[in-house]
Amino acid sequence: MIDYAAVLSANYPDALWGMIDNDLVTLVWDESNTDPKPTQADLDAQWPQVDYNRQVRAVEKARRADYEAQSDPLFFEWQRGDGTEQAWLDAVAAVKAAHPYPPAP
């Protein structure tokens, strides 16, 4: 299902609009907007990229949390001479494998 509100928020950030329950029929496009009101076809075409960007942000958030918890300590151990570079690199690779990027649209 296409999240029309997400598409509008992502691709028309300065536009004023309202919509009820993601129902495009209820979209109200403010007359002060410089862009014309997008059609359903416009929004449908924009959805794959918006959804992809949302998925990428989710992967990056999950990776960031796991890097902090798993690989960062090993990095600092390696920097202090208490660990190995390979242990750190293996931890980074494990985080990337656990949280792969989605295929591009």
N, C-alpha and C. Protein backbone atom coordinates (compact mmCIF):
# COMPACT_ATOMS: atom_id res chain seq x y z
N MET A 1 0.84 -1.18 0.00
CA MET A 1 0.00 0.00 0.00
C MET A 1 0.88 1.25 0.00
N ILE A 2 0.54 2.17 -0.80
CA ILE A 2 1.31 3.40 -0.92
C ILE A 2 0.96 4.34 0.22
N ASP A 3 1.99 4.86 0.85
CA ASP A 3 1.80 5.85 1.92
C ASP A 3 1.88 7.23 1.29
N TYR A 4 0.71 7.73 0.89
CA TYR A 4 0.68 9.01 0.18
C TYR A 4 1.17 10.15 1.07
N ALA A 5 0.87 10.10 2.35
CA ALA A 5 1.33 11.15 3.26
C ALA A 5 2.86 11.18 3.30
N ALA A 6 3.49 10.01 3.27
CA ALA A 6 4.95 9.96 3.28
C ALA A 6 5.52 10.55 1.99
N VAL A 7 4.89 10.25 0.86
CA VAL A 7 5.36 10.79 -0.41
C VAL A 7 5.22 12.31 -0.42
N LEU A 8 4.08 12.80 0.03
CA LEU A 8 3.86 14.25 0.07
C LEU A 8 4.85 14.93 1.00
N SER A 9 5.06 14.34 2.17
CA SER A 9 6.00 14.93 3.14
C SER A 9 7.43 14.94 2.61
N ALA A 10 7.81 13.87 1.94
CA ALA A 10 9.18 13.76 1.44
C ALA A 10 9.44 14.64 0.22
N ASN A 11 8.50 14.68 -0.69
CA ASN A 11 8.75 15.33 -1.97
C ASN A 11 8.13 16.71 -2.13
N TYR A 12 7.30 17.09 -1.18
CA TYR A 12 6.69 18.42 -1.20
C TYR A 12 6.79 19.02 0.21
N PRO A 13 8.01 19.16 0.73
CA PRO A 13 8.19 19.53 2.14
C PRO A 13 7.65 20.91 2.51
N ASP A 14 7.57 21.80 1.56
CA ASP A 14 7.09 23.15 1.86
C ASP A 14 5.61 23.34 1.54
N ALA A 15 4.99 22.32 1.04
CA ALA A 15 3.58 22.43 0.65
C ALA A 15 2.67 22.31 1.86
N LEU A 16 1.56 23.01 1.78
CA LEU A 16 0.51 22.91 2.79
C LEU A 16 -0.59 22.02 2.22
N TRP A 17 -0.93 20.98 2.95
CA TRP A 17 -1.93 20.04 2.48
C TRP A 17 -2.55 19.32 3.67
N GLY A 18 -3.67 18.68 3.43
CA GLY A 18 -4.32 17.86 4.44
C GLY A 18 -4.92 16.63 3.78
N MET A 19 -5.01 15.56 4.55
CA MET A 19 -5.57 14.32 4.01
C MET A 19 -6.05 13.48 5.19
N ILE A 20 -7.10 12.73 4.98
CA ILE A 20 -7.66 11.89 6.04
C ILE A 20 -7.33 10.43 5.75
N ASP A 21 -6.72 9.76 6.72
CA ASP A 21 -6.46 8.32 6.66
C ASP A 21 -5.78 7.85 5.38
N ASN A 22 -4.85 8.62 4.88
CA ASN A 22 -4.08 8.25 3.69
C ASN A 22 -4.98 8.02 2.47
N ASP A 23 -6.15 8.64 2.49
CA ASP A 23 -7.11 8.51 1.38
C ASP A 23 -6.90 9.69 0.43
N LEU A 24 -6.34 9.40 -0.72
CA LEU A 24 -5.99 10.46 -1.67
C LEU A 24 -7.20 11.27 -2.12
N VAL A 25 -8.36 10.69 -2.09
CA VAL A 25 -9.58 11.41 -2.47
C VAL A 25 -9.82 12.60 -1.54
N THR A 26 -9.34 12.48 -0.29
CA THR A 26 -9.56 13.55 0.69
C THR A 26 -8.43 14.58 0.69
N LEU A 27 -7.46 14.45 -0.22
CA LEU A 27 -6.33 15.39 -0.25
C LEU A 27 -6.82 16.81 -0.55
N VAL A 28 -6.48 17.72 0.35
CA VAL A 28 -6.76 19.13 0.15
C VAL A 28 -5.41 19.81 -0.06
N TRP A 29 -5.26 20.45 -1.19
CA TRP A 29 -4.00 21.11 -1.58
C TRP A 29 -4.20 22.60 -1.46
N ASP A 30 -3.42 23.23 -0.58
CA ASP A 30 -3.59 24.66 -0.32
C ASP A 30 -3.27 25.47 -1.58
N GLU A 31 -4.07 26.46 -1.82
CA GLU A 31 -3.89 27.29 -3.02
C GLU A 31 -2.62 28.12 -2.97
N SER A 32 -2.01 28.27 -1.80
CA SER A 32 -0.76 29.02 -1.70
C SER A 32 0.46 28.22 -2.15
N ASN A 33 0.30 26.92 -2.36
CA ASN A 33 1.42 26.07 -2.79
C ASN A 33 1.90 26.49 -4.18
N THR A 34 3.21 26.55 -4.34
CA THR A 34 3.77 26.91 -5.65
C THR A 34 3.73 25.74 -6.62
N ASP A 35 3.83 24.52 -6.11
CA ASP A 35 3.72 23.33 -6.96
C ASP A 35 2.25 23.02 -7.19
N PRO A 36 1.93 22.54 -8.38
CA PRO A 36 0.54 22.12 -8.60
C PRO A 36 0.24 20.85 -7.80
N LYS A 37 -1.02 20.64 -7.52
CA LYS A 37 -1.43 19.44 -6.78
C LYS A 37 -1.01 18.21 -7.58
N PRO A 38 -0.26 17.31 -6.94
CA PRO A 38 0.19 16.12 -7.67
C PRO A 38 -0.98 15.16 -7.92
N THR A 39 -0.89 14.47 -9.02
CA THR A 39 -1.91 13.47 -9.34
C THR A 39 -1.58 12.16 -8.64
N GLN A 40 -2.52 11.25 -8.63
CA GLN A 40 -2.26 9.94 -8.07
C GLN A 40 -1.13 9.26 -8.84
N ALA A 41 -1.11 9.43 -10.14
CA ALA A 41 -0.03 8.84 -10.96
C ALA A 41 1.33 9.41 -10.56
N ASP A 42 1.37 10.73 -10.29
CA ASP A 42 2.63 11.35 -9.83
C ASP A 42 3.10 10.70 -8.54
N LEU A 43 2.19 10.60 -7.58
CA LEU A 43 2.54 10.07 -6.26
C LEU A 43 2.88 8.59 -6.34
N ASP A 44 2.13 7.84 -7.13
CA ASP A 44 2.43 6.41 -7.30
C ASP A 44 3.83 6.22 -7.87
N ALA A 45 4.22 7.07 -8.82
CA ALA A 45 5.54 6.96 -9.43
C ALA A 45 6.65 7.33 -8.45
N GLN A 46 6.36 8.21 -7.49
CA GLN A 46 7.36 8.65 -6.52
C GLN A 46 7.51 7.69 -5.35
N TRP A 47 6.51 6.85 -5.12
CA TRP A 47 6.50 5.98 -3.95
C TRP A 47 7.71 5.04 -3.86
N PRO A 48 8.12 4.35 -4.92
CA PRO A 48 9.25 3.41 -4.77
C PRO A 48 10.51 4.08 -4.19
N GLN A 49 10.83 5.28 -4.64
CA GLN A 49 12.03 5.96 -4.13
C GLN A 49 11.83 6.40 -2.68
N VAL A 50 10.64 6.91 -2.36
CA VAL A 50 10.37 7.32 -0.98
C VAL A 50 10.44 6.12 -0.04
N ASP A 51 9.84 5.01 -0.45
CA ASP A 51 9.87 3.79 0.38
C ASP A 51 11.30 3.29 0.54
N TYR A 52 12.06 3.30 -0.55
CA TYR A 52 13.46 2.89 -0.49
C TYR A 52 14.24 3.76 0.50
N ASN A 53 14.06 5.07 0.41
CA ASN A 53 14.76 5.98 1.32
C ASN A 53 14.40 5.70 2.77
N ARG A 54 13.14 5.39 3.03
CA ARG A 54 12.72 5.06 4.40
C ARG A 54 13.39 3.78 4.87
N GLN A 55 13.46 2.78 4.00
CA GLN A 55 14.11 1.53 4.36
C GLN A 55 15.60 1.74 4.63
N VAL A 56 16.25 2.55 3.83
CA VAL A 56 17.68 2.84 4.02
C VAL A 56 17.90 3.52 5.37
N ARG A 57 17.04 4.49 5.71
CA ARG A 57 17.17 5.15 7.01
C ARG A 57 17.00 4.16 8.16
N ALA A 58 16.09 3.21 8.02
CA ALA A 58 15.89 2.20 9.06
C ALA A 58 17.12 1.31 9.20
N VAL A 59 17.71 0.92 8.07
CA VAL A 59 18.94 0.10 8.10
C VAL A 59 20.06 0.89 8.76
N GLU A 60 20.21 2.15 8.40
CA GLU A 60 21.28 2.97 8.98
C GLU A 60 21.10 3.15 10.48
N LYS A 61 19.86 3.30 10.92
CA LYS A 61 19.59 3.44 12.35
C LYS A 61 19.95 2.14 13.09
N ALA A 62 19.57 1.00 12.52
CA ALA A 62 19.88 -0.28 13.14
C ALA A 62 21.40 -0.53 13.15
N ARG A 63 22.06 -0.20 12.04
CA ARG A 63 23.51 -0.37 11.99
C ARG A 63 24.21 0.52 13.02
N ARG A 64 23.76 1.76 13.10
CA ARG A 64 24.38 2.69 14.05
C ARG A 64 24.30 2.14 15.47
N ALA A 65 23.15 1.62 15.84
CA ALA A 65 22.98 1.06 17.19
C ALA A 65 23.89 -0.14 17.40
N ASP A 66 23.96 -1.01 16.40
CA ASP A 66 24.82 -2.19 16.54
C ASP A 66 26.30 -1.85 16.49
N TYR A 67 26.68 -0.87 15.68
CA TYR A 67 28.08 -0.44 15.68
C TYR A 67 28.47 0.03 17.08
N GLU A 68 27.61 0.87 17.66
CA GLU A 68 27.91 1.40 19.00
C GLU A 68 28.03 0.28 20.03
N ALA A 69 27.16 -0.71 19.92
CA ALA A 69 27.14 -1.78 20.92
C ALA A 69 28.18 -2.86 20.65
N GLN A 70 28.47 -3.14 19.39
CA GLN A 70 29.29 -4.31 19.07
C GLN A 70 30.68 -3.97 18.53
N SER A 71 30.76 -3.11 17.54
CA SER A 71 32.07 -2.91 16.90
C SER A 71 32.87 -1.76 17.49
N ASP A 72 32.21 -0.72 17.96
CA ASP A 72 32.95 0.42 18.52
C ASP A 72 33.85 0.01 19.69
N PRO A 73 33.35 -0.80 20.62
CA PRO A 73 34.25 -1.20 21.71
C PRO A 73 35.49 -1.95 21.20
N LEU A 74 35.31 -2.76 20.17
CA LEU A 74 36.45 -3.50 19.62
C LEU A 74 37.42 -2.56 18.91
N PHE A 75 36.88 -1.52 18.30
CA PHE A 75 37.74 -0.53 17.66
C PHE A 75 38.64 0.15 18.71
N PHE A 76 38.02 0.55 19.81
CA PHE A 76 38.80 1.24 20.84
C PHE A 76 39.79 0.29 21.53
N GLU A 77 39.41 -0.98 21.66
CA GLU A 77 40.37 -1.96 22.19
C GLU A 77 41.56 -2.08 21.25
N TRP A 78 41.29 -2.14 19.96
CA TRP A 78 42.36 -2.22 18.97
C TRP A 78 43.25 -0.98 19.05
N GLN A 79 42.65 0.21 19.17
CA GLN A 79 43.42 1.45 19.24
C GLN A 79 44.30 1.50 20.48
N ARG A 80 43.84 0.91 21.58
CA ARG A 80 44.64 0.88 22.81
C ARG A 80 45.68 -0.23 22.81
N GLY A 81 45.61 -1.12 21.81
CA GLY A 81 46.55 -2.23 21.76
C GLY A 81 46.05 -3.44 22.53
N ASP A 82 44.78 -3.43 22.95
CA ASP A 82 44.22 -4.54 23.72
C ASP A 82 43.45 -5.52 22.85
N GLY A 83 43.27 -5.21 21.57
CA GLY A 83 42.52 -6.07 20.66
C GLY A 83 43.15 -6.02 19.29
N THR A 84 42.49 -6.69 18.36
CA THR A 84 43.05 -6.75 17.01
C THR A 84 42.17 -5.99 16.02
N GLU A 85 42.82 -5.53 14.98
CA GLU A 85 42.06 -4.87 13.93
C GLU A 85 41.08 -5.85 13.30
N GLN A 86 41.48 -7.10 13.16
CA GLN A 86 40.61 -8.09 12.52
C GLN A 86 39.35 -8.33 13.33
N ALA A 87 39.44 -8.33 14.64
CA ALA A 87 38.24 -8.51 15.47
C ALA A 87 37.26 -7.37 15.21
N TRP A 88 37.79 -6.17 15.11
CA TRP A 88 36.94 -5.01 14.83
C TRP A 88 36.31 -5.13 13.44
N LEU A 89 37.13 -5.46 12.42
CA LEU A 89 36.63 -5.61 11.06
C LEU A 89 35.58 -6.71 10.96
N ASP A 90 35.77 -7.80 11.68
CA ASP A 90 34.79 -8.88 11.68
C ASP A 90 33.47 -8.42 12.29
N ALA A 91 33.55 -7.62 13.35
CA ALA A 91 32.33 -7.10 13.98
C ALA A 91 31.60 -6.15 13.04
N VAL A 92 32.33 -5.31 12.34
CA VAL A 92 31.71 -4.41 11.36
C VAL A 92 31.03 -5.22 10.26
N ALA A 93 31.71 -6.24 9.77
CA ALA A 93 31.13 -7.08 8.72
C ALA A 93 29.87 -7.79 9.22
N ALA A 94 29.87 -8.22 10.47
CA ALA A 94 28.69 -8.90 11.03
C ALA A 94 27.50 -7.95 11.12
N VAL A 95 27.76 -6.70 11.48
CA VAL A 95 26.67 -5.71 11.55
C VAL A 95 26.11 -5.47 10.15
N LYS A 96 26.98 -5.32 9.18
CA LYS A 96 26.52 -5.09 7.81
C LYS A 96 25.73 -6.29 7.28
N ALA A 97 26.16 -7.50 7.63
CA ALA A 97 25.45 -8.69 7.19
C ALA A 97 24.08 -8.81 7.87
N ALA A 98 24.01 -8.37 9.12
CA ALA A 98 22.74 -8.44 9.85
C ALA A 98 21.74 -7.41 9.37
N HIS A 99 22.23 -6.33 8.79
CA HIS A 99 21.37 -5.23 8.36
C HIS A 99 21.74 -4.81 6.92
N PRO A 100 21.38 -5.63 5.94
CA PRO A 100 21.73 -5.28 4.56
C PRO A 100 20.83 -4.18 4.03
N TYR A 101 21.36 -3.44 3.10
CA TYR A 101 20.56 -2.41 2.43
C TYR A 101 19.55 -3.09 1.50
N PRO A 102 18.38 -2.48 1.34
CA PRO A 102 17.41 -3.03 0.39
C PRO A 102 17.88 -2.80 -1.04
N PRO A 103 17.34 -3.57 -1.97
CA PRO A 103 17.70 -3.31 -3.37
C PRO A 103 17.12 -1.96 -3.81
N ALA A 104 17.87 -1.26 -4.61
CA ALA A 104 17.42 0.05 -5.11
C ALA A 104 16.22 -0.15 -6.05
N PRO A 105 15.33 0.83 -6.03
CA PRO A 105 14.15 0.70 -6.91
C PRO A 105 14.51 0.83 -8.38
